[in-house]
């Protein structure tokens, strides 16, 4: 039994998306392409919206997925943000 069979196609694609966005943003943050935390938040929200656009799920379930993905990505980026991001709107 592999991971796709264990958690299902939808959950597996969401996990792949989380890891790909996290890796991409880690690279962009270290290259100083993003200098504000708000830029990162907006970028993550936009990518999540585009990713979930083709999913045919109920609205409540979709919002739950979006919230969990956002929290997962931001949690994984937290250390990189603390190291490299100096500017933050208060």
C-alpha atoms as a PDB file:
ATOM      1  CA  UNK A   1       0.000   0.000   0.000  1.00  0.00           C
ATOM      2  CA  UNK A   2       1.446   3.343  -0.996  1.00  0.00           C
ATOM      3  CA  UNK A   3       0.598   6.841   0.164  1.00  0.00           C
ATOM      4  CA  UNK A   4      -1.879   7.552  -2.648  1.00  0.00           C
ATOM      5  CA  UNK A   5      -3.907   4.455  -1.791  1.00  0.00           C
ATOM      6  CA  UNK A   6      -3.772   5.235   1.932  1.00  0.00           C
ATOM      7  CA  UNK A   7      -4.938   8.842   1.927  1.00  0.00           C
ATOM      8  CA  UNK A   8      -6.747   9.125  -1.398  1.00  0.00           C
ATOM      9  CA  UNK A   9      -6.127  11.161  -4.522  1.00  0.00           C
ATOM     10  CA  UNK A  10      -7.512  14.456  -3.222  1.00  0.00           C
ATOM     11  CA  UNK A  11      -5.549  14.450   0.020  1.00  0.00           C
ATOM     12  CA  UNK A  12      -2.407  13.299  -1.774  1.00  0.00           C
ATOM     13  CA  UNK A  13      -2.640  16.123  -4.305  1.00  0.00           C
ATOM     14  CA  UNK A  14      -3.177  18.603  -1.450  1.00  0.00           C
ATOM     15  CA  UNK A  15      -0.076  17.258   0.312  1.00  0.00           C
ATOM     16  CA  UNK A  16       1.950  17.550  -2.878  1.00  0.00           C
ATOM     17  CA  UNK A  17       0.718  21.106  -3.306  1.00  0.00           C
ATOM     18  CA  UNK A  18       1.721  22.034   0.259  1.00  0.00           C
ATOM     19  CA  UNK A  19       5.243  20.708  -0.203  1.00  0.00           C
ATOM     20  CA  UNK A  20       5.718  22.281  -3.637  1.00  0.00           C
ATOM     21  CA  UNK A  21       4.507  25.719  -2.507  1.00  0.00           C
ATOM     22  CA  UNK A  22       6.635  25.544   0.618  1.00  0.00           C
ATOM     23  CA  UNK A  23       9.766  24.634  -1.337  1.00  0.00           C
ATOM     24  CA  UNK A  24       9.088  27.318  -3.924  1.00  0.00           C
ATOM     25  CA  UNK A  25       8.567  29.995  -1.289  1.00  0.00           C
ATOM     26  CA  UNK A  26      11.629  28.962   0.718  1.00  0.00           C
ATOM     27  CA  UNK A  27      13.682  29.478  -2.409  1.00  0.00           C
ATOM     28  CA  UNK A  28      12.071  32.826  -3.237  1.00  0.00           C
ATOM     29  CA  UNK A  29      12.467  34.112   0.314  1.00  0.00           C
ATOM     30  CA  UNK A  30      16.148  33.187   0.485  1.00  0.00           C
ATOM     31  CA  UNK A  31      16.696  34.848  -2.905  1.00  0.00           C
ATOM     32  CA  UNK A  32      15.037  38.004  -1.501  1.00  0.00           C
ATOM     33  CA  UNK A  33      12.239  37.996  -4.096  1.00  0.00           C
ATOM     34  CA  UNK A  34       9.795  38.501  -1.235  1.00  0.00           C
ATOM     35  CA  UNK A  35      10.757  41.077   1.366  1.00  0.00           C
ATOM     36  CA  UNK A  36       7.460  41.575   3.208  1.00  0.00           C
ATOM     37  CA  UNK A  37       5.491  38.992   5.125  1.00  0.00           C
ATOM     38  CA  UNK A  38       2.288  40.364   3.581  1.00  0.00           C
ATOM     39  CA  UNK A  39       3.645  39.578   0.109  1.00  0.00           C
ATOM     40  CA  UNK A  40       4.069  35.971   1.148  1.00  0.00           C
ATOM     41  CA  UNK A  41       0.595  35.774   2.670  1.00  0.00           C
ATOM     42  CA  UNK A  42      -1.052  37.209  -0.447  1.00  0.00           C
ATOM     43  CA  UNK A  43       0.959  34.905  -2.710  1.00  0.00           C
ATOM     44  CA  UNK A  44       0.026  31.820  -0.675  1.00  0.00           C
ATOM     45  CA  UNK A  45      -3.654  32.799  -0.626  1.00  0.00           C
ATOM     46  CA  UNK A  46      -3.647  33.350  -4.391  1.00  0.00           C
ATOM     47  CA  UNK A  47      -1.946  30.030  -5.082  1.00  0.00           C
ATOM     48  CA  UNK A  48      -4.428  28.232  -2.820  1.00  0.00           C
ATOM     49  CA  UNK A  49      -7.371  29.845  -4.606  1.00  0.00           C
ATOM     50  CA  UNK A  50      -6.045  28.768  -8.017  1.00  0.00           C
ATOM     51  CA  UNK A  51      -5.276  25.260  -6.791  1.00  0.00           C
ATOM     52  CA  UNK A  52      -8.746  24.641  -5.376  1.00  0.00           C
ATOM     53  CA  UNK A  53     -10.581  26.242  -8.297  1.00  0.00           C
ATOM     54  CA  UNK A  54     -11.085  22.919 -10.114  1.00  0.00           C
ATOM     55  CA  UNK A  55     -12.180  20.916  -7.056  1.00  0.00           C
ATOM     56  CA  UNK A  56     -15.887  20.078  -6.975  1.00  0.00           C
ATOM     57  CA  UNK A  57     -16.480  20.094  -3.238  1.00  0.00           C
ATOM     58  CA  UNK A  58     -19.042  21.642  -0.958  1.00  0.00           C
ATOM     59  CA  UNK A  59     -18.269  25.204   0.068  1.00  0.00           C
ATOM     60  CA  UNK A  60     -17.732  24.389   3.752  1.00  0.00           C
ATOM     61  CA  UNK A  61     -15.349  21.532   2.984  1.00  0.00           C
ATOM     62  CA  UNK A  62     -13.488  23.680   0.472  1.00  0.00           C
ATOM     63  CA  UNK A  63     -13.031  26.476   3.008  1.00  0.00           C
ATOM     64  CA  UNK A  64     -11.789  23.948   5.543  1.00  0.00           C
ATOM     65  CA  UNK A  65      -9.230  22.608   3.061  1.00  0.00           C
ATOM     66  CA  UNK A  66      -8.079  26.123   2.166  1.00  0.00           C
ATOM     67  CA  UNK A  67      -7.669  27.078   5.812  1.00  0.00           C
ATOM     68  CA  UNK A  68      -5.695  23.942   6.652  1.00  0.00           C
ATOM     69  CA  UNK A  69      -3.435  24.300   3.626  1.00  0.00           C
ATOM     70  CA  UNK A  70      -2.756  27.954   4.440  1.00  0.00           C
ATOM     71  CA  UNK A  71      -1.938  27.146   8.059  1.00  0.00           C
ATOM     72  CA  UNK A  72       0.324  24.257   7.020  1.00  0.00           C
ATOM     73  CA  UNK A  73       2.272  26.330   4.505  1.00  0.00           C
ATOM     74  CA  UNK A  74       2.690  29.279   6.851  1.00  0.00           C
ATOM     75  CA  UNK A  75       3.767  26.988   9.706  1.00  0.00           C
ATOM     76  CA  UNK A  76       6.424  25.394   7.493  1.00  0.00           C
ATOM     77  CA  UNK A  77       7.636  28.836   6.364  1.00  0.00           C
ATOM     78  CA  UNK A  78       7.744  30.307   9.847  1.00  0.00           C
ATOM     79  CA  UNK A  79      11.459  29.705  10.464  1.00  0.00           C
ATOM     80  CA  UNK A  80      12.457  30.976   7.014  1.00  0.00           C
ATOM     81  CA  UNK A  81      10.350  34.083   7.500  1.00  0.00           C
ATOM     82  CA  UNK A  82      11.963  34.760  10.871  1.00  0.00           C
ATOM     83  CA  UNK A  83      15.444  34.385   9.396  1.00  0.00           C
ATOM     84  CA  UNK A  84      15.062  36.379   6.183  1.00  0.00           C
ATOM     85  CA  UNK A  85      12.094  38.743   6.437  1.00  0.00           C
ATOM     86  CA  UNK A  86      12.891  42.030   8.147  1.00  0.00           C
ATOM     87  CA  UNK A  87       9.882  44.075   7.068  1.00  0.00           C
ATOM     88  CA  UNK A  88       6.392  43.525   8.386  1.00  0.00           C
ATOM     89  CA  UNK A  89       3.358  45.785   8.463  1.00  0.00           C
ATOM     90  CA  UNK A  90       1.877  46.150  11.914  1.00  0.00           C
END
